[in-house]
């Protein structure tokens, strides 16, 4: 299956301290093994790198996580073009999403994928724009 995966899921898959670690790790293992394809905005590695750095304090770990993410064959990164920017801005205006969340939602809408997220606000607001998959539904 094809998905768009929010940074919250990726970060949770990497850190045992996160509430949904086991489910996120199991899902990400399926993605890494090629069972799914992830269409992602190029902002996702930035968000994940920042989250890992903030939560662990380790620049080295943050850099390694970013590099590993960029090397995944099952991840297809989509740049933020002018048309994507305009579409994301329309989504943000329509459903009152944060900027980064609107960009991620825009990729899910454009690529006609389900959005997988642990972010409750994103789930609630984006469900009128894209299909949201709960972690229990994707495993």
Protein backbone atom coordinates (compact mmCIF):
# COMPACT_ATOMS: atom_id res chain seq x y z
CA UNK A 1 0.00 0.00 0.00
CA UNK A 2 0.95 3.64 -0.39
CA UNK A 3 0.94 5.98 2.59
CA UNK A 4 2.05 9.41 3.67
CA UNK A 5 3.63 9.10 7.10
CA UNK A 6 3.69 11.96 9.55
CA UNK A 7 6.91 12.63 11.45
CA UNK A 8 5.21 11.65 14.71
CA UNK A 9 5.08 8.02 13.57
CA UNK A 10 8.71 7.96 12.44
CA UNK A 11 9.95 9.51 15.69
CA UNK A 12 7.82 7.14 17.78
CA UNK A 13 9.24 4.17 15.87
CA UNK A 14 12.76 5.22 16.86
CA UNK A 15 12.27 6.02 20.54
CA UNK A 16 11.16 3.47 23.13
CA UNK A 17 10.02 6.35 25.36
CA UNK A 18 7.25 7.28 22.92
CA UNK A 19 3.75 6.01 23.70
CA UNK A 20 3.09 4.27 20.40
CA UNK A 21 6.64 2.98 19.97
CA UNK A 22 5.86 -0.70 19.38
CA UNK A 23 3.09 -0.14 16.84
CA UNK A 24 5.04 2.59 15.06
CA UNK A 25 8.16 0.43 14.93
CA UNK A 26 6.20 -2.52 13.53
CA UNK A 27 4.63 -0.32 10.85
CA UNK A 28 7.92 1.33 9.92
CA UNK A 29 9.54 -2.11 9.68
CA UNK A 30 6.94 -3.04 7.07
CA UNK A 31 7.71 0.17 5.16
CA UNK A 32 11.47 -0.37 5.36
CA UNK A 33 11.06 -3.95 4.13
CA UNK A 34 9.20 -2.66 1.08
CA UNK A 35 5.68 -3.81 1.97
CA UNK A 36 4.52 -0.20 1.62
CA UNK A 37 5.66 2.92 -0.21
CA UNK A 38 5.75 6.24 1.61
CA UNK A 39 5.23 9.49 -0.30
CA UNK A 40 6.76 12.18 1.86
CA UNK A 41 7.37 15.88 1.77
CA UNK A 42 11.01 16.89 1.90
CA UNK A 43 10.19 18.62 5.19
CA UNK A 44 9.76 15.26 6.95
CA UNK A 45 13.50 14.56 7.34
CA UNK A 46 13.89 18.08 8.73
CA UNK A 47 11.12 17.50 11.29
CA UNK A 48 12.46 14.08 12.29
CA UNK A 49 16.04 15.34 12.59
CA UNK A 50 14.90 18.25 14.76
CA UNK A 51 12.75 16.03 16.98
CA UNK A 52 15.53 13.50 17.53
CA UNK A 53 18.05 16.24 18.31
CA UNK A 54 15.70 17.96 20.77
CA UNK A 55 14.65 14.75 22.51
CA UNK A 56 18.07 13.10 22.76
CA UNK A 57 20.48 16.03 22.73
CA UNK A 58 22.66 14.11 20.25
CA UNK A 59 23.71 15.81 17.03
CA UNK A 60 25.37 12.60 15.85
CA UNK A 61 22.21 10.54 16.34
CA UNK A 62 20.05 13.19 14.65
CA UNK A 63 22.40 13.25 11.65
CA UNK A 64 22.44 9.43 11.42
CA UNK A 65 18.64 9.20 11.61
CA UNK A 66 18.32 11.78 8.83
CA UNK A 67 20.78 9.92 6.62
CA UNK A 68 19.04 6.58 7.24
CA UNK A 69 15.69 8.12 6.35
CA UNK A 70 17.04 9.60 3.12
CA UNK A 71 18.51 6.23 2.13
CA UNK A 72 15.23 4.29 2.39
CA UNK A 73 14.18 2.96 -1.01
CA UNK A 74 10.54 2.79 0.10
CA UNK A 75 10.42 6.56 0.74
CA UNK A 76 9.72 8.87 -2.18
CA UNK A 77 10.42 12.48 -1.27
CA UNK A 78 8.42 15.26 -2.92
CA UNK A 79 9.85 18.77 -2.98
CA UNK A 80 7.87 21.83 -2.02
CA UNK A 81 7.14 23.40 -5.39
CA UNK A 82 5.13 26.57 -5.87
CA UNK A 83 2.00 24.61 -6.80
CA UNK A 84 2.37 22.36 -3.74
CA UNK A 85 2.91 25.42 -1.57
CA UNK A 86 -0.28 27.01 -2.90
CA UNK A 87 -2.25 23.78 -2.44
CA UNK A 88 -0.94 23.36 1.13
CA UNK A 89 -1.85 26.96 1.91
CA UNK A 90 -5.41 26.31 0.67
CA UNK A 91 -5.61 23.24 2.91
CA UNK A 92 -4.31 25.24 5.89
CA UNK A 93 -6.88 27.93 5.22
CA UNK A 94 -9.71 25.42 4.80
CA UNK A 95 -9.14 23.27 7.90
CA UNK A 96 -6.91 25.45 10.11
CA UNK A 97 -3.82 23.22 10.09
CA UNK A 98 -0.32 24.21 11.19
CA UNK A 99 1.98 24.95 8.26
CA UNK A 100 4.02 21.73 8.31
CA UNK A 101 0.89 19.65 8.85
CA UNK A 102 -0.74 21.30 5.84
CA UNK A 103 2.30 20.44 3.70
CA UNK A 104 2.19 16.79 4.78
CA UNK A 105 -1.57 16.66 4.21
CA UNK A 106 -1.11 18.18 0.76
CA UNK A 107 1.25 15.35 -0.25
CA UNK A 108 -1.28 12.76 0.94
CA UNK A 109 -3.99 14.52 -1.05
CA UNK A 110 -1.87 14.88 -4.20
CA UNK A 111 -0.62 11.30 -4.14
CA UNK A 112 -4.04 9.93 -3.07
CA UNK A 113 -2.54 8.14 -0.09
CA UNK A 114 -3.78 7.56 3.43
CA UNK A 115 -2.15 9.75 6.04
CA UNK A 116 -0.73 7.88 9.04
CA UNK A 117 -0.19 10.07 12.08
CA UNK A 118 -0.18 9.96 15.87
CA UNK A 119 -0.98 13.68 16.06
CA UNK A 120 -4.57 13.98 17.30
CA UNK A 121 -5.01 17.56 16.06
CA UNK A 122 -3.76 16.62 12.60
CA UNK A 123 -6.07 13.57 12.52
CA UNK A 124 -9.12 15.60 13.46
CA UNK A 125 -8.51 18.48 11.09
CA UNK A 126 -7.13 16.60 8.07
CA UNK A 127 -9.86 13.94 7.97
CA UNK A 128 -12.07 16.25 5.94
CA UNK A 129 -9.32 16.53 3.29
CA UNK A 130 -7.62 13.10 3.17
CA UNK A 131 -8.14 9.57 4.42
CA UNK A 132 -6.60 9.05 7.84
CA UNK A 133 -5.36 5.61 8.81
CA UNK A 134 -5.10 4.73 12.46
CA UNK A 135 -2.02 2.77 13.48
CA UNK A 136 -4.22 -0.22 14.39
CA UNK A 137 -5.67 -0.22 10.85
CA UNK A 138 -2.35 -0.32 9.02
CA UNK A 139 -0.90 -3.31 10.85
